[in-house]
């Protein structure tokens, strides 16, 4: 299976305006996420990304998209610092509500 990642406007906004405050190297982030996907059957993934540009440990939130033959699309919906993430926030719905916010 070949994994492809698409970054949403929300994920770019999270990186550039809230978390790292520098321009996102979208290609670098997408390439790393594509290589790091391990559980191809999951509907939702969290990946810890050691960002070399900002020096921060980030959490990438990916949702499984469509399959096209041997290619699987993943949607990178949000990014936060690892220190700001907790399983409790995911359990109580805070993460889901945040990821559903639409950036225009």
Protein backbone atom coordinates (compact mmCIF):
# COMPACT_ATOMS: atom_id res chain seq x y z
CA UNK A 1 0.00 0.00 0.00
CA UNK A 2 1.29 3.46 -0.93
CA UNK A 3 0.31 6.18 1.57
CA UNK A 4 -0.31 9.75 0.43
CA UNK A 5 -0.96 12.64 2.81
CA UNK A 6 -2.95 15.81 2.12
CA UNK A 7 -2.58 18.73 4.55
CA UNK A 8 -5.73 20.71 5.26
CA UNK A 9 -5.77 24.49 5.64
CA UNK A 10 -6.47 23.89 9.32
CA UNK A 11 -3.27 21.87 9.78
CA UNK A 12 -1.21 24.54 8.01
CA UNK A 13 -2.86 27.22 10.18
CA UNK A 14 -2.10 25.22 13.34
CA UNK A 15 1.57 24.93 12.37
CA UNK A 16 2.17 28.46 11.06
CA UNK A 17 -0.07 30.58 13.31
CA UNK A 18 -0.37 28.72 16.61
CA UNK A 19 2.30 26.08 17.24
CA UNK A 20 5.55 26.90 15.42
CA UNK A 21 5.02 30.43 14.09
CA UNK A 22 7.17 29.73 11.02
CA UNK A 23 6.22 28.75 7.45
CA UNK A 24 5.36 25.06 7.20
CA UNK A 25 7.55 22.90 5.00
CA UNK A 26 4.52 20.99 3.75
CA UNK A 27 6.49 18.58 1.59
CA UNK A 28 8.78 17.58 4.47
CA UNK A 29 5.87 17.03 6.88
CA UNK A 30 3.81 15.10 4.32
CA UNK A 31 6.76 12.92 3.28
CA UNK A 32 7.55 12.06 6.89
CA UNK A 33 3.90 11.22 7.65
CA UNK A 34 3.60 9.05 4.54
CA UNK A 35 6.62 7.00 5.57
CA UNK A 36 5.49 6.77 9.20
CA UNK A 37 1.99 5.36 8.70
CA UNK A 38 2.13 1.91 10.30
CA UNK A 39 -1.47 0.93 11.06
CA UNK A 40 -3.00 1.13 7.61
CA UNK A 41 -6.38 -0.19 8.80
CA UNK A 42 -6.98 2.55 11.36
CA UNK A 43 -9.54 5.26 10.66
CA UNK A 44 -7.68 7.87 12.74
CA UNK A 45 -3.99 8.13 13.63
CA UNK A 46 -1.86 10.27 15.90
CA UNK A 47 1.82 10.51 15.02
CA UNK A 48 4.58 12.14 17.03
CA UNK A 49 6.66 14.24 14.65
CA UNK A 50 10.07 15.58 15.74
CA UNK A 51 10.01 18.79 13.69
CA UNK A 52 13.58 19.68 12.68
CA UNK A 53 12.62 23.21 11.59
CA UNK A 54 11.07 24.37 14.87
CA UNK A 55 12.83 21.94 17.22
CA UNK A 56 9.48 20.97 18.74
CA UNK A 57 7.83 17.58 19.25
CA UNK A 58 4.50 17.76 17.45
CA UNK A 59 1.46 15.51 17.27
CA UNK A 60 -0.03 15.07 13.79
CA UNK A 61 -3.69 14.05 13.58
CA UNK A 62 -4.46 12.02 10.46
CA UNK A 63 -7.81 10.72 9.24
CA UNK A 64 -8.00 7.92 6.73
CA UNK A 65 -9.33 9.03 3.36
CA UNK A 66 -10.09 7.06 0.24
CA UNK A 67 -8.30 4.11 -1.31
CA UNK A 68 -7.40 4.28 -5.00
CA UNK A 69 -6.11 0.87 -6.01
CA UNK A 70 -2.82 0.50 -4.15
CA UNK A 71 -2.83 4.10 -2.88
CA UNK A 72 -4.40 5.21 0.39
CA UNK A 73 -5.08 8.88 1.11
CA UNK A 74 -4.61 10.29 4.61
CA UNK A 75 -5.87 13.74 5.60
CA UNK A 76 -3.64 15.66 8.01
CA UNK A 77 -6.31 17.60 9.91
CA UNK A 78 -4.43 19.18 12.78
CA UNK A 79 -1.11 19.72 14.51
CA UNK A 80 -0.34 20.50 18.14
CA UNK A 81 2.67 20.39 20.42
CA UNK A 82 3.14 17.05 22.15
CA UNK A 83 3.03 18.75 25.56
CA UNK A 84 -0.45 20.13 24.74
CA UNK A 85 -1.95 16.72 23.90
CA UNK A 86 -3.55 14.36 26.40
CA UNK A 87 -5.69 11.24 25.94
CA UNK A 88 -8.31 12.81 28.22
CA UNK A 89 -8.84 15.61 25.66
CA UNK A 90 -9.51 12.99 23.04
CA UNK A 91 -11.87 11.00 25.27
CA UNK A 92 -13.98 14.01 26.24
CA UNK A 93 -14.32 15.20 22.63
CA UNK A 94 -12.12 18.31 22.80
CA UNK A 95 -9.78 17.05 20.07
CA UNK A 96 -12.68 16.09 17.76
CA UNK A 97 -14.33 19.52 18.18
CA UNK A 98 -11.03 21.29 17.48
CA UNK A 99 -10.34 19.21 14.35
CA UNK A 100 -13.84 19.89 12.99
CA UNK A 101 -13.29 23.67 12.92
CA UNK A 102 -13.20 24.84 9.30
CA UNK A 103 -10.52 27.38 8.30
CA UNK A 104 -11.45 29.35 5.18
